N, C-alpha and C. Protein backbone atom coordinates (compact mmCIF):
# COMPACT_ATOMS: atom_id res chain seq x y z
N MET A 1 0.82 -1.19 0.00
CA MET A 1 0.00 0.00 0.00
C MET A 1 0.87 1.26 0.00
N LEU A 2 1.91 1.29 0.84
CA LEU A 2 2.79 2.46 0.89
C LEU A 2 3.60 2.61 -0.39
N VAL A 3 3.98 1.50 -0.98
CA VAL A 3 4.80 1.53 -2.20
C VAL A 3 4.03 2.18 -3.35
N LEU A 4 2.75 1.91 -3.45
CA LEU A 4 1.94 2.50 -4.52
C LEU A 4 1.24 3.78 -4.08
N GLY A 5 0.78 3.86 -2.85
CA GLY A 5 -0.02 4.99 -2.37
C GLY A 5 0.74 6.29 -2.28
N VAL A 6 1.93 6.29 -1.73
CA VAL A 6 2.70 7.53 -1.55
C VAL A 6 3.11 8.14 -2.89
N PRO A 7 3.66 7.34 -3.84
CA PRO A 7 3.98 7.94 -5.14
C PRO A 7 2.74 8.46 -5.88
N MET A 8 1.62 7.73 -5.78
CA MET A 8 0.39 8.20 -6.43
C MET A 8 -0.09 9.51 -5.82
N LEU A 9 -0.03 9.59 -4.50
CA LEU A 9 -0.42 10.83 -3.83
C LEU A 9 0.48 11.98 -4.26
N GLY A 10 1.77 11.73 -4.37
CA GLY A 10 2.70 12.75 -4.83
C GLY A 10 2.39 13.21 -6.24
N ILE A 11 2.05 12.28 -7.11
CA ILE A 11 1.70 12.64 -8.49
C ILE A 11 0.43 13.48 -8.52
N PHE A 12 -0.59 13.12 -7.73
CA PHE A 12 -1.82 13.90 -7.67
C PHE A 12 -1.57 15.31 -7.14
N VAL A 13 -0.73 15.46 -6.16
CA VAL A 13 -0.39 16.78 -5.61
C VAL A 13 0.31 17.63 -6.68
N ILE A 14 1.27 17.04 -7.39
CA ILE A 14 1.99 17.78 -8.43
C ILE A 14 1.03 18.22 -9.53
N PHE A 15 0.15 17.31 -9.99
CA PHE A 15 -0.82 17.68 -11.01
C PHE A 15 -1.78 18.76 -10.50
N GLY A 16 -2.20 18.67 -9.26
CA GLY A 16 -3.10 19.68 -8.69
C GLY A 16 -2.47 21.05 -8.64
N VAL A 17 -1.24 21.13 -8.17
CA VAL A 17 -0.54 22.41 -8.10
C VAL A 17 -0.32 22.98 -9.50
N THR A 18 0.06 22.14 -10.45
CA THR A 18 0.26 22.59 -11.83
C THR A 18 -1.04 23.10 -12.43
N PHE A 19 -2.14 22.38 -12.21
CA PHE A 19 -3.43 22.80 -12.74
C PHE A 19 -3.87 24.13 -12.15
N LEU A 20 -3.74 24.32 -10.85
CA LEU A 20 -4.13 25.58 -10.22
C LEU A 20 -3.27 26.73 -10.71
N SER A 21 -2.00 26.49 -10.94
CA SER A 21 -1.10 27.53 -11.46
C SER A 21 -1.52 27.94 -12.86
N MET A 22 -1.84 26.96 -13.71
CA MET A 22 -2.28 27.26 -15.07
C MET A 22 -3.62 27.99 -15.06
N LEU A 23 -4.52 27.61 -14.18
CA LEU A 23 -5.81 28.27 -14.07
C LEU A 23 -5.64 29.73 -13.66
N GLY A 24 -4.72 30.00 -12.75
CA GLY A 24 -4.45 31.38 -12.33
C GLY A 24 -3.93 32.23 -13.48
N ARG A 25 -3.09 31.65 -14.34
CA ARG A 25 -2.58 32.40 -15.50
C ARG A 25 -3.67 32.65 -16.54
N ILE A 26 -4.60 31.71 -16.67
CA ILE A 26 -5.71 31.89 -17.61
C ILE A 26 -6.67 32.94 -17.08
N GLU A 27 -6.95 32.89 -15.77
CA GLU A 27 -7.90 33.80 -15.15
C GLU A 27 -7.40 35.24 -15.14
N ASN A 28 -6.14 35.45 -14.87
CA ASN A 28 -5.57 36.80 -14.83
C ASN A 28 -4.13 36.74 -15.32
N PRO A 29 -3.95 36.78 -16.65
CA PRO A 29 -2.60 36.64 -17.20
C PRO A 29 -1.73 37.86 -16.90
N ARG A 30 -0.44 37.67 -17.02
CA ARG A 30 0.50 38.78 -16.83
C ARG A 30 0.36 39.75 -17.97
N PRO A 31 0.62 41.00 -17.76
CA PRO A 31 1.04 41.61 -16.49
C PRO A 31 -0.16 41.84 -15.58
N ASN A 32 0.09 41.83 -14.28
CA ASN A 32 -0.92 42.13 -13.28
C ASN A 32 -0.97 43.64 -13.04
N TYR A 33 -2.15 44.11 -12.62
CA TYR A 33 -2.29 45.54 -12.36
C TYR A 33 -1.38 46.00 -11.22
N SER A 34 -1.06 45.11 -10.29
CA SER A 34 -0.18 45.48 -9.17
C SER A 34 1.21 45.90 -9.66
N GLU A 35 1.59 45.47 -10.85
CA GLU A 35 2.87 45.87 -11.42
C GLU A 35 2.79 47.25 -12.07
N PHE A 36 1.59 47.80 -12.19
CA PHE A 36 1.38 49.09 -12.86
C PHE A 36 0.60 50.05 -11.96
N ARG A 37 0.92 50.10 -10.68
CA ARG A 37 0.22 51.01 -9.77
C ARG A 37 0.23 52.43 -10.34
N ASP A 38 -0.88 53.09 -10.21
CA ASP A 38 -1.06 54.46 -10.69
C ASP A 38 -0.98 54.56 -12.21
N ALA A 39 -1.20 53.46 -12.93
CA ALA A 39 -1.19 53.48 -14.39
C ALA A 39 -2.50 54.01 -14.94
N ILE A 40 -3.56 53.90 -14.17
CA ILE A 40 -4.86 54.43 -14.57
C ILE A 40 -5.16 55.62 -13.68
N ASN A 41 -5.25 56.79 -14.29
CA ASN A 41 -5.49 58.02 -13.54
C ASN A 41 -6.86 58.58 -13.85
N ILE A 42 -7.50 59.10 -12.83
CA ILE A 42 -8.78 59.78 -13.02
C ILE A 42 -8.49 61.23 -13.36
N LEU A 43 -8.91 61.64 -14.56
CA LEU A 43 -8.64 62.99 -15.03
C LEU A 43 -9.61 64.00 -14.43
N GLU A 44 -10.87 63.62 -14.37
CA GLU A 44 -11.88 64.48 -13.76
C GLU A 44 -12.98 63.60 -13.19
N SER A 45 -13.59 64.06 -12.11
CA SER A 45 -14.67 63.29 -11.50
C SER A 45 -15.61 64.23 -10.76
N ARG A 46 -16.78 63.71 -10.50
CA ARG A 46 -17.80 64.52 -9.86
C ARG A 46 -18.71 63.62 -9.03
N MET A 47 -19.18 64.15 -7.91
CA MET A 47 -20.06 63.41 -7.01
C MET A 47 -21.50 63.87 -7.25
N ASN A 48 -22.40 62.91 -7.50
CA ASN A 48 -23.81 63.20 -7.75
C ASN A 48 -24.67 62.38 -6.80
N TRP A 49 -25.72 63.00 -6.28
CA TRP A 49 -26.67 62.31 -5.42
C TRP A 49 -27.88 61.93 -6.25
N ALA A 50 -28.42 60.73 -6.01
CA ALA A 50 -29.61 60.30 -6.74
C ALA A 50 -30.49 59.46 -5.83
N GLU A 51 -31.78 59.66 -5.94
CA GLU A 51 -32.75 58.85 -5.22
C GLU A 51 -33.15 57.71 -6.14
N THR A 52 -32.90 56.48 -5.70
CA THR A 52 -33.25 55.30 -6.49
C THR A 52 -34.35 54.53 -5.77
N HIS A 53 -34.86 53.48 -6.40
CA HIS A 53 -35.90 52.68 -5.74
C HIS A 53 -35.35 51.93 -4.53
N ASP A 54 -34.01 51.82 -4.42
CA ASP A 54 -33.37 51.20 -3.25
C ASP A 54 -32.91 52.22 -2.21
N GLY A 55 -33.19 53.49 -2.44
CA GLY A 55 -32.79 54.53 -1.50
C GLY A 55 -31.77 55.48 -2.12
N LEU A 56 -31.22 56.35 -1.30
CA LEU A 56 -30.28 57.37 -1.74
C LEU A 56 -28.95 56.75 -2.13
N ARG A 57 -28.36 57.21 -3.22
CA ARG A 57 -27.07 56.71 -3.70
C ARG A 57 -26.17 57.89 -4.06
N ILE A 58 -24.87 57.64 -3.94
CA ILE A 58 -23.87 58.58 -4.44
C ILE A 58 -23.31 57.96 -5.71
N TYR A 59 -23.31 58.73 -6.78
CA TYR A 59 -22.69 58.29 -8.02
C TYR A 59 -21.46 59.14 -8.27
N ILE A 60 -20.33 58.49 -8.41
CA ILE A 60 -19.11 59.18 -8.80
C ILE A 60 -18.96 58.94 -10.30
N THR A 61 -18.96 59.99 -11.07
CA THR A 61 -18.81 59.88 -12.52
C THR A 61 -17.57 60.65 -12.94
N GLY A 62 -16.99 60.23 -14.03
CA GLY A 62 -15.81 60.95 -14.48
C GLY A 62 -15.16 60.34 -15.70
N ILE A 63 -13.96 60.81 -15.97
CA ILE A 63 -13.14 60.37 -17.10
C ILE A 63 -11.83 59.86 -16.53
N LEU A 64 -11.38 58.71 -17.03
CA LEU A 64 -10.08 58.18 -16.61
C LEU A 64 -9.24 57.86 -17.83
N THR A 65 -7.94 57.76 -17.60
CA THR A 65 -7.01 57.45 -18.68
C THR A 65 -6.08 56.31 -18.29
N ASN A 66 -5.77 55.49 -19.27
CA ASN A 66 -4.85 54.38 -19.09
C ASN A 66 -3.53 54.78 -19.74
N LYS A 67 -2.47 54.86 -18.95
CA LYS A 67 -1.17 55.30 -19.46
C LYS A 67 -0.27 54.12 -19.85
N THR A 68 -0.83 52.91 -19.96
CA THR A 68 -0.02 51.74 -20.31
C THR A 68 -0.40 51.21 -21.68
N SER A 69 0.35 50.24 -22.15
CA SER A 69 0.04 49.58 -23.43
C SER A 69 -0.78 48.32 -23.21
N VAL A 70 -1.36 48.17 -22.03
CA VAL A 70 -2.18 47.00 -21.67
C VAL A 70 -3.62 47.45 -21.51
N ALA A 71 -4.56 46.67 -22.03
CA ALA A 71 -5.98 46.94 -21.82
C ALA A 71 -6.39 46.36 -20.47
N TRP A 72 -7.19 47.12 -19.69
CA TRP A 72 -7.62 46.69 -18.35
C TRP A 72 -9.14 46.63 -18.31
N GLN A 73 -9.66 45.67 -17.55
CA GLN A 73 -11.11 45.52 -17.39
C GLN A 73 -11.45 45.29 -15.92
N SER A 74 -12.72 45.32 -15.59
CA SER A 74 -13.22 45.08 -14.23
C SER A 74 -12.50 45.94 -13.21
N LEU A 75 -12.47 47.24 -13.47
CA LEU A 75 -11.79 48.17 -12.58
C LEU A 75 -12.49 48.24 -11.24
N GLU A 76 -11.71 48.33 -10.17
CA GLU A 76 -12.26 48.53 -8.83
C GLU A 76 -11.81 49.90 -8.34
N PHE A 77 -12.76 50.66 -7.83
CA PHE A 77 -12.50 52.03 -7.40
C PHE A 77 -12.53 52.12 -5.88
N ASP A 78 -11.61 52.90 -5.34
CA ASP A 78 -11.54 53.20 -3.92
C ASP A 78 -12.01 54.65 -3.77
N CYS A 79 -13.18 54.85 -3.16
CA CYS A 79 -13.76 56.19 -3.02
C CYS A 79 -13.79 56.56 -1.53
N ARG A 80 -13.26 57.73 -1.23
CA ARG A 80 -13.22 58.23 0.15
C ARG A 80 -13.90 59.59 0.21
N PHE A 81 -14.70 59.78 1.25
CA PHE A 81 -15.49 61.00 1.39
C PHE A 81 -15.09 61.72 2.67
N PHE A 82 -15.01 63.05 2.59
CA PHE A 82 -14.52 63.87 3.69
C PHE A 82 -15.54 64.96 4.03
N ASP A 83 -15.52 65.37 5.30
CA ASP A 83 -16.37 66.48 5.72
C ASP A 83 -15.67 67.81 5.44
N GLY A 84 -16.29 68.90 5.85
CA GLY A 84 -15.74 70.23 5.60
C GLY A 84 -14.39 70.46 6.25
N ALA A 85 -14.08 69.74 7.34
CA ALA A 85 -12.80 69.89 8.03
C ALA A 85 -11.73 68.95 7.46
N GLY A 86 -12.09 68.17 6.45
CA GLY A 86 -11.13 67.26 5.85
C GLY A 86 -11.02 65.91 6.52
N ARG A 87 -11.94 65.61 7.45
CA ARG A 87 -11.93 64.31 8.13
C ARG A 87 -12.68 63.28 7.29
N LEU A 88 -12.16 62.06 7.28
CA LEU A 88 -12.80 60.97 6.57
C LEU A 88 -14.13 60.62 7.25
N VAL A 89 -15.24 60.66 6.50
CA VAL A 89 -16.54 60.35 7.07
C VAL A 89 -17.16 59.08 6.47
N ASP A 90 -16.70 58.67 5.30
CA ASP A 90 -17.26 57.49 4.66
C ASP A 90 -16.28 57.01 3.60
N ALA A 91 -16.40 55.77 3.24
CA ALA A 91 -15.58 55.20 2.18
C ALA A 91 -16.33 54.04 1.56
N GLY A 92 -16.01 53.75 0.33
CA GLY A 92 -16.66 52.63 -0.34
C GLY A 92 -15.87 52.19 -1.55
N ASN A 93 -16.06 50.95 -1.91
CA ASN A 93 -15.45 50.41 -3.12
C ASN A 93 -16.55 50.16 -4.13
N GLY A 94 -16.25 50.45 -5.36
CA GLY A 94 -17.20 50.21 -6.43
C GLY A 94 -16.50 49.57 -7.60
N ARG A 95 -17.26 48.85 -8.37
CA ARG A 95 -16.71 48.21 -9.56
C ARG A 95 -17.29 48.85 -10.81
N GLY A 96 -16.42 48.97 -11.78
CA GLY A 96 -16.85 49.46 -13.08
C GLY A 96 -16.74 48.33 -14.08
N GLY A 97 -17.77 48.09 -14.84
CA GLY A 97 -17.78 46.99 -15.78
C GLY A 97 -17.12 47.30 -17.11
N MET A 98 -16.47 48.44 -17.18
CA MET A 98 -15.92 48.85 -18.46
C MET A 98 -14.52 48.29 -18.69
N THR A 99 -14.08 48.41 -19.93
CA THR A 99 -12.72 48.08 -20.31
C THR A 99 -12.09 49.36 -20.83
N VAL A 100 -10.88 49.64 -20.38
CA VAL A 100 -10.15 50.81 -20.88
C VAL A 100 -8.98 50.29 -21.70
N GLY A 101 -8.93 50.73 -22.94
CA GLY A 101 -7.91 50.25 -23.86
C GLY A 101 -6.54 50.84 -23.57
N PRO A 102 -5.53 50.32 -24.26
CA PRO A 102 -4.17 50.83 -24.09
C PRO A 102 -4.09 52.30 -24.50
N ASN A 103 -3.47 53.11 -23.64
CA ASN A 103 -3.27 54.54 -23.92
C ASN A 103 -4.56 55.22 -24.37
N ASP A 104 -5.63 54.93 -23.65
CA ASP A 104 -6.96 55.43 -24.03
C ASP A 104 -7.64 56.09 -22.83
N THR A 105 -8.72 56.78 -23.08
CA THR A 105 -9.54 57.36 -22.02
C THR A 105 -10.95 56.79 -22.13
N THR A 106 -11.65 56.75 -21.02
CA THR A 106 -13.03 56.28 -21.01
C THR A 106 -13.78 56.92 -19.85
N ALA A 107 -15.09 56.92 -19.95
CA ALA A 107 -15.94 57.43 -18.87
C ALA A 107 -16.25 56.30 -17.89
N PHE A 108 -16.53 56.66 -16.65
CA PHE A 108 -16.88 55.66 -15.64
C PHE A 108 -17.96 56.20 -14.73
N ARG A 109 -18.63 55.27 -14.05
CA ARG A 109 -19.62 55.62 -13.02
C ARG A 109 -19.56 54.55 -11.95
N VAL A 110 -19.49 55.00 -10.70
CA VAL A 110 -19.42 54.11 -9.55
C VAL A 110 -20.56 54.48 -8.61
N SER A 111 -21.26 53.48 -8.11
CA SER A 111 -22.36 53.70 -7.18
C SER A 111 -21.91 53.34 -5.76
N ILE A 112 -22.17 54.24 -4.82
CA ILE A 112 -21.82 54.03 -3.41
C ILE A 112 -23.08 54.26 -2.57
N ILE A 113 -23.30 53.40 -1.59
CA ILE A 113 -24.41 53.58 -0.65
C ILE A 113 -23.92 54.44 0.50
N PRO A 114 -24.49 55.63 0.70
CA PRO A 114 -24.03 56.50 1.79
C PRO A 114 -24.39 55.94 3.16
N THR A 115 -23.53 56.22 4.14
CA THR A 115 -23.77 55.71 5.50
C THR A 115 -23.91 56.82 6.54
N VAL A 116 -23.69 58.06 6.15
CA VAL A 116 -23.85 59.20 7.06
C VAL A 116 -24.77 60.23 6.39
N PRO A 117 -25.28 61.20 7.13
CA PRO A 117 -26.16 62.20 6.54
C PRO A 117 -25.50 62.94 5.36
N THR A 118 -26.33 63.34 4.41
CA THR A 118 -25.82 63.95 3.18
C THR A 118 -25.01 65.23 3.43
N ASN A 119 -25.34 65.99 4.48
CA ASN A 119 -24.59 67.23 4.72
C ASN A 119 -23.19 66.98 5.27
N SER A 120 -22.84 65.71 5.55
CA SER A 120 -21.49 65.37 6.02
C SER A 120 -20.50 65.24 4.87
N TYR A 121 -20.99 65.12 3.65
CA TYR A 121 -20.13 64.90 2.49
C TYR A 121 -19.76 66.24 1.85
N ALA A 122 -18.52 66.67 2.04
CA ALA A 122 -18.08 67.93 1.45
C ALA A 122 -17.20 67.69 0.22
N THR A 123 -16.22 66.81 0.35
CA THR A 123 -15.32 66.50 -0.76
C THR A 123 -15.11 64.99 -0.85
N PHE A 124 -14.46 64.57 -1.91
CA PHE A 124 -14.19 63.15 -2.08
C PHE A 124 -12.88 62.97 -2.85
N ARG A 125 -12.36 61.77 -2.76
CA ARG A 125 -11.18 61.37 -3.54
C ARG A 125 -11.44 59.96 -4.04
N CYS A 126 -11.19 59.72 -5.29
CA CYS A 126 -11.46 58.42 -5.89
C CYS A 126 -10.25 57.99 -6.71
N SER A 127 -9.89 56.71 -6.62
CA SER A 127 -8.77 56.19 -7.39
C SER A 127 -9.06 54.75 -7.79
N VAL A 128 -8.32 54.26 -8.76
CA VAL A 128 -8.45 52.87 -9.20
C VAL A 128 -7.52 52.02 -8.33
N SER A 129 -8.09 51.05 -7.62
CA SER A 129 -7.29 50.23 -6.72
C SER A 129 -6.94 48.87 -7.31
N ALA A 130 -7.71 48.40 -8.28
CA ALA A 130 -7.44 47.10 -8.89
C ALA A 130 -8.07 47.03 -10.27
N ALA A 131 -7.50 46.18 -11.11
CA ALA A 131 -8.02 45.93 -12.45
C ALA A 131 -7.52 44.57 -12.91
N ARG A 132 -8.20 44.03 -13.90
CA ARG A 132 -7.81 42.74 -14.46
C ARG A 132 -7.31 42.95 -15.88
N ASN A 133 -6.34 42.16 -16.27
CA ASN A 133 -5.84 42.19 -17.62
C ASN A 133 -6.97 41.79 -18.56
N ALA A 134 -7.20 42.57 -19.62
CA ALA A 134 -8.31 42.29 -20.54
C ALA A 134 -8.11 41.02 -21.35
N LYS A 135 -6.92 40.46 -21.35
CA LYS A 135 -6.67 39.20 -22.06
C LYS A 135 -7.15 37.99 -21.26
N SER A 136 -7.72 38.24 -20.10
CA SER A 136 -8.23 37.17 -19.25
C SER A 136 -9.34 36.42 -19.97
N TRP A 137 -9.38 35.13 -19.83
CA TRP A 137 -10.42 34.31 -20.45
C TRP A 137 -11.71 34.34 -19.65
N LEU A 138 -11.60 34.65 -18.37
CA LEU A 138 -12.79 34.61 -17.50
C LEU A 138 -13.25 35.99 -17.14
């Protein structure tokens, strides 16, 4: 049992690790966005309030630019909101379903659910915190 079982288990482990590694490369091929921090810049943005059927929402809309030769998709935005004194009062992450091409600009919109009264929001800062390589199969 040990003569056959241990080598077979070793082979299954090696195949499993190889398969998961290949799946990771298919899901998010190189280069990764972490290698291009600050490659996508928001050129202009604006905070808009809207009443929806699910309640009050903050929409951050704007224009962003990709300064790399790589197309990025599934952008994740880090949005921070400040009061009149510059203190952080709220924060949220939003996803944009768009793809921004190499050395291109595109419009975006992110929806955030507010957690404090509307008069607490004086200013905001928004940046792209993550993105996926557009060559991803998934």
